[in-house]
Structures are given as structure tokens and as C-alpha cells.
PDB file of all heavy atoms in Angstrom:
ATOM      1  N   ILE A   1      -6.283   5.697  -1.556  1.00  0.00           N
ATOM      2  CA  ILE A   1      -4.910   5.415  -1.194  1.00  0.00           C
ATOM      3  C   ILE A   1      -4.466   6.310   0.001  1.00  0.00           C
ATOM      4  O   ILE A   1      -3.852   5.793   0.957  1.00  0.00           O
ATOM      5  CB  ILE A   1      -3.971   5.584  -2.370  1.00  0.00           C
ATOM      6  CG1 ILE A   1      -4.234   4.505  -3.421  1.00  0.00           C
ATOM      7  CG2 ILE A   1      -2.462   5.536  -1.974  1.00  0.00           C
ATOM      8  CD1 ILE A   1      -3.554   4.663  -4.775  1.00  0.00           C
ATOM      9  N   ASN A   2      -4.785   7.578  -0.046  1.00  0.00           N
ATOM     10  CA  ASN A   2      -4.380   8.475   1.018  1.00  0.00           C
ATOM     11  C   ASN A   2      -5.002   8.080   2.349  1.00  0.00           C
ATOM     12  O   ASN A   2      -4.388   8.082   3.395  1.00  0.00           O
ATOM     13  CB  ASN A   2      -4.748   9.909   0.664  1.00  0.00           C
ATOM     14  CG  ASN A   2      -4.272  10.867   1.710  1.00  0.00           C
ATOM     15  OD1 ASN A   2      -3.092  11.010   1.989  1.00  0.00           O
ATOM     16  ND2 ASN A   2      -5.227  11.566   2.354  1.00  0.00           N
ATOM     17  N   GLU A   3      -6.291   7.700   2.293  1.00  0.00           N
ATOM     18  CA  GLU A   3      -6.967   7.309   3.503  1.00  0.00           C
ATOM     19  C   GLU A   3      -6.321   6.057   4.032  1.00  0.00           C
ATOM     20  O   GLU A   3      -6.123   5.908   5.293  1.00  0.00           O
ATOM     21  CB  GLU A   3      -8.456   7.018   3.185  1.00  0.00           C
ATOM     22  CG  GLU A   3      -9.343   6.742   4.347  1.00  0.00           C
ATOM     23  CD  GLU A   3      -9.722   7.972   5.140  1.00  0.00           C
ATOM     24  OE1 GLU A   3      -9.406   9.098   4.742  1.00  0.00           O
ATOM     25  OE2 GLU A   3     -10.348   7.781   6.154  1.00  0.00           O
ATOM     26  N   ALA A   4      -5.984   5.098   3.197  1.00  0.00           N
ATOM     27  CA  ALA A   4      -5.322   3.848   3.652  1.00  0.00           C
ATOM     28  C   ALA A   4      -3.966   4.158   4.309  1.00  0.00           C
ATOM     29  O   ALA A   4      -3.634   3.594   5.347  1.00  0.00           O
ATOM     30  CB  ALA A   4      -5.194   2.888   2.506  1.00  0.00           C
ATOM     31  N   ILE A   5      -3.218   5.054   3.696  1.00  0.00           N
ATOM     32  CA  ILE A   5      -1.964   5.397   4.246  1.00  0.00           C
ATOM     33  C   ILE A   5      -2.080   6.017   5.596  1.00  0.00           C
ATOM     34  O   ILE A   5      -1.352   5.731   6.538  1.00  0.00           O
ATOM     35  CB  ILE A   5      -1.159   6.286   3.274  1.00  0.00           C
ATOM     36  CG1 ILE A   5      -0.784   5.532   2.025  1.00  0.00           C
ATOM     37  CG2 ILE A   5       0.091   6.958   3.899  1.00  0.00           C
ATOM     38  CD1 ILE A   5      -0.289   6.375   0.866  1.00  0.00           C
ATOM     39  N   GLU A   6      -3.025   6.986   5.762  1.00  0.00           N
ATOM     40  CA  GLU A   6      -3.226   7.669   6.992  1.00  0.00           C
ATOM     41  C   GLU A   6      -3.715   6.699   8.090  1.00  0.00           C
ATOM     42  O   GLU A   6      -3.268   6.762   9.220  1.00  0.00           O
ATOM     43  CB  GLU A   6      -4.286   8.774   6.864  1.00  0.00           C
ATOM     44  CG  GLU A   6      -3.762   9.960   5.997  1.00  0.00           C
ATOM     45  CD  GLU A   6      -2.477  10.562   6.614  1.00  0.00           C
ATOM     46  OE1 GLU A   6      -2.402  10.792   7.843  1.00  0.00           O
ATOM     47  OE2 GLU A   6      -1.574  10.851   5.786  1.00  0.00           O
ATOM     48  N   LEU A   7      -4.584   5.722   7.749  1.00  0.00           N
ATOM     49  CA  LEU A   7      -4.966   4.727   8.726  1.00  0.00           C
ATOM     50  C   LEU A   7      -3.806   3.815   9.049  1.00  0.00           C
ATOM     51  O   LEU A   7      -3.680   3.459  10.212  1.00  0.00           O
ATOM     52  CB  LEU A   7      -6.174   3.900   8.143  1.00  0.00           C
ATOM     53  CG  LEU A   7      -7.479   4.612   8.079  1.00  0.00           C
ATOM     54  CD1 LEU A   7      -8.468   3.940   7.177  1.00  0.00           C
ATOM     55  CD2 LEU A   7      -8.076   4.821   9.446  1.00  0.00           C
ATOM     56  N   ALA A   8      -2.929   3.508   8.118  1.00  0.00           N
ATOM     57  CA  ALA A   8      -1.787   2.705   8.432  1.00  0.00           C
ATOM     58  C   ALA A   8      -0.837   3.395   9.389  1.00  0.00           C
ATOM     59  O   ALA A   8      -0.223   2.801  10.271  1.00  0.00           O
ATOM     60  CB  ALA A   8      -1.036   2.293   7.120  1.00  0.00           C
ATOM     61  N   LYS A   9      -0.715   4.708   9.215  1.00  0.00           N
ATOM     62  CA  LYS A   9       0.179   5.539  10.132  1.00  0.00           C
ATOM     63  C   LYS A   9      -0.341   5.427  11.543  1.00  0.00           C
ATOM     64  O   LYS A   9       0.434   5.337  12.509  1.00  0.00           O
ATOM     65  CB  LYS A   9       0.214   7.013   9.679  1.00  0.00           C
ATOM     66  CG  LYS A   9       1.000   7.200   8.436  1.00  0.00           C
ATOM     67  CD  LYS A   9       0.947   8.690   8.069  1.00  0.00           C
ATOM     68  CE  LYS A   9       1.693   8.947   6.741  1.00  0.00           C
ATOM     69  NZ  LYS A   9       1.522  10.387   6.357  1.00  0.00           N
ATOM     70  N   ARG A  10      -1.655   5.407  11.679  1.00  0.00           N
ATOM     71  CA  ARG A  10      -2.254   5.358  13.046  1.00  0.00           C
ATOM     72  C   ARG A  10      -2.337   3.969  13.631  1.00  0.00           C
ATOM     73  O   ARG A  10      -2.285   3.815  14.850  1.00  0.00           O
ATOM     74  CB  ARG A  10      -3.622   5.996  13.041  1.00  0.00           C
ATOM     75  CG  ARG A  10      -3.614   7.461  12.840  1.00  0.00           C
ATOM     76  CD  ARG A  10      -4.816   8.221  13.390  1.00  0.00           C
ATOM     77  NE  ARG A  10      -6.060   7.498  13.422  1.00  0.00           N
ATOM     78  CZ  ARG A  10      -6.997   7.679  12.494  1.00  0.00           C
ATOM     79  NH1 ARG A  10      -6.862   8.510  11.498  1.00  0.00           N
ATOM     80  NH2 ARG A  10      -8.146   6.991  12.552  1.00  0.00           N
ATOM     81  N   LEU A  11      -2.570   2.979  12.795  1.00  0.00           N
ATOM     82  CA  LEU A  11      -2.934   1.656  13.313  1.00  0.00           C
ATOM     83  C   LEU A  11      -1.896   0.559  13.143  1.00  0.00           C
ATOM     84  O   LEU A  11      -1.959  -0.465  13.843  1.00  0.00           O
ATOM     85  CB  LEU A  11      -4.287   1.195  12.608  1.00  0.00           C
ATOM     86  CG  LEU A  11      -5.487   2.163  12.725  1.00  0.00           C
ATOM     87  CD1 LEU A  11      -6.603   1.577  11.847  1.00  0.00           C
ATOM     88  CD2 LEU A  11      -5.924   2.213  14.195  1.00  0.00           C
ATOM     89  N   ALA A  12      -1.011   0.738  12.216  1.00  0.00           N
ATOM     90  CA  ALA A  12      -0.099  -0.366  11.847  1.00  0.00           C
ATOM     91  C   ALA A  12       1.343  -0.088  12.194  1.00  0.00           C
ATOM     92  O   ALA A  12       1.650   0.921  12.819  1.00  0.00           O
ATOM     93  CB  ALA A  12      -0.312  -0.662  10.327  1.00  0.00           C
ATOM     94  N   SER A  13       2.231  -0.974  11.718  1.00  0.00           N
ATOM     95  CA  SER A  13       3.605  -0.844  11.984  1.00  0.00           C
ATOM     96  C   SER A  13       4.227   0.343  11.245  1.00  0.00           C
ATOM     97  O   SER A  13       3.617   0.923  10.339  1.00  0.00           O
ATOM     98  CB  SER A  13       4.334  -2.126  11.588  1.00  0.00           C
ATOM     99  OG  SER A  13       4.258  -2.239  10.124  1.00  0.00           O
ATOM    100  N   ASP A  14       5.436   0.690  11.617  1.00  0.00           N
ATOM    101  CA  ASP A  14       6.140   1.838  11.047  1.00  0.00           C
ATOM    102  C   ASP A  14       6.320   1.768   9.564  1.00  0.00           C
ATOM    103  O   ASP A  14       6.307   2.757   8.845  1.00  0.00           O
ATOM    104  CB  ASP A  14       7.486   2.115  11.685  1.00  0.00           C
ATOM    105  CG  ASP A  14       7.316   2.560  13.190  1.00  0.00           C
ATOM    106  OD1 ASP A  14       6.237   3.059  13.556  1.00  0.00           O
ATOM    107  OD2 ASP A  14       8.297   2.442  13.950  1.00  0.00           O
ATOM    108  N   ASN A  15       6.574   0.542   9.008  1.00  0.00           N
ATOM    109  CA  ASN A  15       6.801   0.344   7.585  1.00  0.00           C
ATOM    110  C   ASN A  15       5.545   0.196   6.799  1.00  0.00           C
ATOM    111  O   ASN A  15       5.598   0.239   5.540  1.00  0.00           O
ATOM    112  CB  ASN A  15       7.698  -0.895   7.404  1.00  0.00           C
ATOM    113  CG  ASN A  15       9.056  -0.750   8.016  1.00  0.00           C
ATOM    114  OD1 ASN A  15       9.589   0.346   8.121  1.00  0.00           O
ATOM    115  ND2 ASN A  15       9.623  -1.843   8.444  1.00  0.00           N
ATOM    116  N   ALA A  16       4.406   0.070   7.476  1.00  0.00           N
ATOM    117  CA  ALA A  16       3.141  -0.223   6.822  1.00  0.00           C
ATOM    118  C   ALA A  16       2.714   0.873   5.805  1.00  0.00           C
ATOM    119  O   ALA A  16       2.314   0.540   4.701  1.00  0.00           O
ATOM    120  CB  ALA A  16       2.024  -0.467   7.823  1.00  0.00           C
ATOM    121  N   PRO A  17       2.782   2.148   6.184  1.00  0.00           N
ATOM    122  CA  PRO A  17       2.322   3.135   5.178  1.00  0.00           C
ATOM    123  C   PRO A  17       3.030   3.073   3.821  1.00  0.00           C
ATOM    124  O   PRO A  17       2.401   3.112   2.788  1.00  0.00           O
ATOM    125  CB  PRO A  17       2.570   4.472   5.887  1.00  0.00           C
ATOM    126  CG  PRO A  17       2.545   4.172   7.330  1.00  0.00           C
ATOM    127  CD  PRO A  17       3.167   2.748   7.430  1.00  0.00           C
ATOM    128  N   LYS A  18       4.370   2.973   3.858  1.00  0.00           N
ATOM    129  CA  LYS A  18       5.073   2.829   2.558  1.00  0.00           C
ATOM    130  C   LYS A  18       4.730   1.567   1.815  1.00  0.00           C
ATOM    131  O   LYS A  18       4.499   1.571   0.606  1.00  0.00           O
ATOM    132  CB  LYS A  18       6.590   2.906   2.883  1.00  0.00           C
ATOM    133  CG  LYS A  18       7.452   2.908   1.699  1.00  0.00           C
ATOM    134  CD  LYS A  18       8.927   2.972   2.055  1.00  0.00           C
ATOM    135  CE  LYS A  18       9.793   2.914   0.807  1.00  0.00           C
ATOM    136  NZ  LYS A  18      11.204   2.947   1.123  1.00  0.00           N
ATOM    137  N   PHE A  19       4.593   0.481   2.513  1.00  0.00           N
ATOM    138  CA  PHE A  19       4.270  -0.828   1.937  1.00  0.00           C
ATOM    139  C   PHE A  19       2.890  -0.757   1.293  1.00  0.00           C
ATOM    140  O   PHE A  19       2.708  -1.138   0.155  1.00  0.00           O
ATOM    141  CB  PHE A  19       4.391  -1.952   2.970  1.00  0.00           C
ATOM    142  CG  PHE A  19       3.821  -3.233   2.491  1.00  0.00           C
ATOM    143  CD1 PHE A  19       4.523  -4.026   1.594  1.00  0.00           C
ATOM    144  CD2 PHE A  19       2.577  -3.709   2.954  1.00  0.00           C
ATOM    145  CE1 PHE A  19       4.058  -5.241   1.157  1.00  0.00           C
ATOM    146  CE2 PHE A  19       2.090  -4.894   2.493  1.00  0.00           C
ATOM    147  CZ  PHE A  19       2.812  -5.691   1.571  1.00  0.00           C
ATOM    148  N   ILE A  20       1.919  -0.291   2.034  1.00  0.00           N
ATOM    149  CA  ILE A  20       0.521  -0.210   1.637  1.00  0.00           C
ATOM    150  C   ILE A  20       0.449   0.779   0.421  1.00  0.00           C
ATOM    151  O   ILE A  20      -0.243   0.440  -0.571  1.00  0.00           O
ATOM    152  CB  ILE A  20      -0.428   0.242   2.755  1.00  0.00           C
ATOM    153  CG1 ILE A  20      -0.549  -0.949   3.689  1.00  0.00           C
ATOM    154  CG2 ILE A  20      -1.731   0.759   2.257  1.00  0.00           C
ATOM    155  CD1 ILE A  20      -1.285  -0.661   4.994  1.00  0.00           C
ATOM    156  N   ASN A  21       1.163   1.887   0.431  1.00  0.00           N
ATOM    157  CA  ASN A  21       1.203   2.767  -0.709  1.00  0.00           C
ATOM    158  C   ASN A  21       1.677   2.069  -1.967  1.00  0.00           C
ATOM    159  O   ASN A  21       1.097   2.189  -3.031  1.00  0.00           O
ATOM    160  CB  ASN A  21       2.030   3.967  -0.370  1.00  0.00           C
ATOM    161  CG  ASN A  21       2.041   5.013  -1.524  1.00  0.00           C
ATOM    162  OD1 ASN A  21       0.983   5.299  -2.108  1.00  0.00           O
ATOM    163  ND2 ASN A  21       3.215   5.603  -1.813  1.00  0.00           N
ATOM    164  N   GLY A  22       2.771   1.268  -1.825  1.00  0.00           N
ATOM    165  CA  GLY A  22       3.301   0.607  -2.944  1.00  0.00           C
ATOM    166  C   GLY A  22       2.394  -0.448  -3.556  1.00  0.00           C
ATOM    167  O   GLY A  22       2.169  -0.504  -4.768  1.00  0.00           O
ATOM    168  N   VAL A  23       1.691  -1.249  -2.704  1.00  0.00           N
ATOM    169  CA  VAL A  23       0.776  -2.271  -3.208  1.00  0.00           C
ATOM    170  C   VAL A  23      -0.429  -1.580  -3.873  1.00  0.00           C
ATOM    171  O   VAL A  23      -0.884  -1.921  -4.949  1.00  0.00           O
ATOM    172  CB  VAL A  23       0.274  -3.193  -2.054  1.00  0.00           C
ATOM    173  CG1 VAL A  23      -0.853  -4.095  -2.537  1.00  0.00           C
ATOM    174  CG2 VAL A  23       1.468  -4.000  -1.516  1.00  0.00           C
ATOM    175  N   LEU A  24      -1.008  -0.557  -3.206  1.00  0.00           N
ATOM    176  CA  LEU A  24      -2.165   0.147  -3.744  1.00  0.00           C
ATOM    177  C   LEU A  24      -1.878   0.885  -5.049  1.00  0.00           C
ATOM    178  O   LEU A  24      -2.733   0.944  -5.926  1.00  0.00           O
ATOM    179  CB  LEU A  24      -2.809   1.089  -2.717  1.00  0.00           C
ATOM    180  CG  LEU A  24      -3.405   0.371  -1.471  1.00  0.00           C
ATOM    181  CD1 LEU A  24      -3.945   1.405  -0.490  1.00  0.00           C
ATOM    182  CD2 LEU A  24      -4.511  -0.642  -1.886  1.00  0.00           C
ATOM    183  N   ASP A  25      -0.687   1.437  -5.163  1.00  0.00           N
ATOM    184  CA  ASP A  25      -0.269   2.034  -6.398  1.00  0.00           C
ATOM    185  C   ASP A  25      -0.292   0.994  -7.536  1.00  0.00           C
ATOM    186  O   ASP A  25      -0.691   1.319  -8.683  1.00  0.00           O
ATOM    187  CB  ASP A  25       1.092   2.667  -6.278  1.00  0.00           C
ATOM    188  CG  ASP A  25       1.444   3.610  -7.409  1.00  0.00           C
ATOM    189  OD1 ASP A  25       0.595   4.463  -7.752  1.00  0.00           O
ATOM    190  OD2 ASP A  25       2.514   3.453  -8.042  1.00  0.00           O
ATOM    191  N   LYS A  26       0.167  -0.165  -7.321  1.00  0.00           N
ATOM    192  CA  LYS A  26       0.165  -1.247  -8.316  1.00  0.00           C
ATOM    193  C   LYS A  26      -1.260  -1.671  -8.668  1.00  0.00           C
ATOM    194  O   LYS A  26      -1.599  -1.887  -9.867  1.00  0.00           O
ATOM    195  CB  LYS A  26       0.956  -2.466  -7.853  1.00  0.00           C
ATOM    196  CG  LYS A  26       2.474  -2.237  -7.748  1.00  0.00           C
ATOM    197  CD  LYS A  26       3.118  -3.483  -7.161  1.00  0.00           C
ATOM    198  CE  LYS A  26       4.592  -3.203  -6.835  1.00  0.00           C
ATOM    199  NZ  LYS A  26       5.165  -4.313  -6.134  1.00  0.00           N
ATOM    200  N   VAL A  27      -2.117  -1.743  -7.643  1.00  0.00           N
ATOM    201  CA  VAL A  27      -3.525  -2.127  -7.838  1.00  0.00           C
ATOM    202  C   VAL A  27      -4.199  -1.062  -8.690  1.00  0.00           C
ATOM    203  O   VAL A  27      -4.948  -1.350  -9.628  1.00  0.00           O
ATOM    204  CB  VAL A  27      -4.277  -2.281  -6.544  1.00  0.00           C
ATOM    205  CG1 VAL A  27      -5.774  -2.438  -6.729  1.00  0.00           C
ATOM    206  CG2 VAL A  27      -3.727  -3.441  -5.733  1.00  0.00           C
ATOM    207  N   LYS A  28      -3.920   0.230  -8.444  1.00  0.00           N
ATOM    208  CA  LYS A  28      -4.527   1.315  -9.106  1.00  0.00           C
ATOM    209  C   LYS A  28      -4.142   1.301 -10.609  1.00  0.00           C
ATOM    210  O   LYS A  28      -4.958   1.589 -11.484  1.00  0.00           O
ATOM    211  CB  LYS A  28      -4.003   2.661  -8.519  1.00  0.00           C
ATOM    212  CG  LYS A  28      -4.495   3.902  -9.216  1.00  0.00           C
ATOM    213  CD  LYS A  28      -3.902   5.150  -8.555  1.00  0.00           C
ATOM    214  CE  LYS A  28      -2.513   5.324  -9.062  1.00  0.00           C
ATOM    215  NZ  LYS A  28      -1.911   6.585  -8.736  1.00  0.00           N
ATOM    216  N   ARG A  29      -2.884   0.934 -10.937  1.00  0.00           N
ATOM    217  CA  ARG A  29      -2.451   0.890 -12.302  1.00  0.00           C
ATOM    218  C   ARG A  29      -2.870  -0.367 -13.054  1.00  0.00           C
ATOM    219  O   ARG A  29      -2.838  -0.343 -14.272  1.00  0.00           O
ATOM    220  CB  ARG A  29      -0.915   1.021 -12.343  1.00  0.00           C
ATOM    221  CG  ARG A  29      -0.443   2.431 -11.973  1.00  0.00           C
ATOM    222  CD  ARG A  29       1.026   2.552 -12.249  1.00  0.00           C
ATOM    223  NE  ARG A  29       1.743   2.376 -10.988  1.00  0.00           N
ATOM    224  CZ  ARG A  29       2.889   1.701 -10.920  1.00  0.00           C
ATOM    225  NH1 ARG A  29       3.458   1.197 -11.927  1.00  0.00           N
ATOM    226  NH2 ARG A  29       3.482   1.600  -9.741  1.00  0.00           N
ATOM    227  N   ALA A  30      -3.284  -1.375 -12.332  1.00  0.00           N
ATOM    228  CA  ALA A  30      -3.634  -2.634 -13.039  1.00  0.00           C
ATOM    229  C   ALA A  30      -4.955  -2.540 -13.774  1.00  0.00           C
ATOM    230  O   ALA A  30      -5.782  -1.724 -13.616  1.00  0.00           O
ATOM    231  CB  ALA A  30      -3.759  -3.781 -12.002  1.00  0.00           C
TER     232      ALA A  30
END
């Protein structure tokens, strides 16, 4: 999750890190 967030900060839109964190947190708990 941390790696995905860091990559999103560098590569994606400004809102992407928060969005990706939220989706991955749900995936992790499923």
C-alpha cells in the first residue's frame, strides 16, 4: 500500500494517493 501511494504521488493526479489508499485498504480487509 505504501509503495502504491508513493508511486501515485509521483505518477498520478493530486487526488490519486488518497483514493488509492482507500481502495487498497478495503482490499486488504476483504
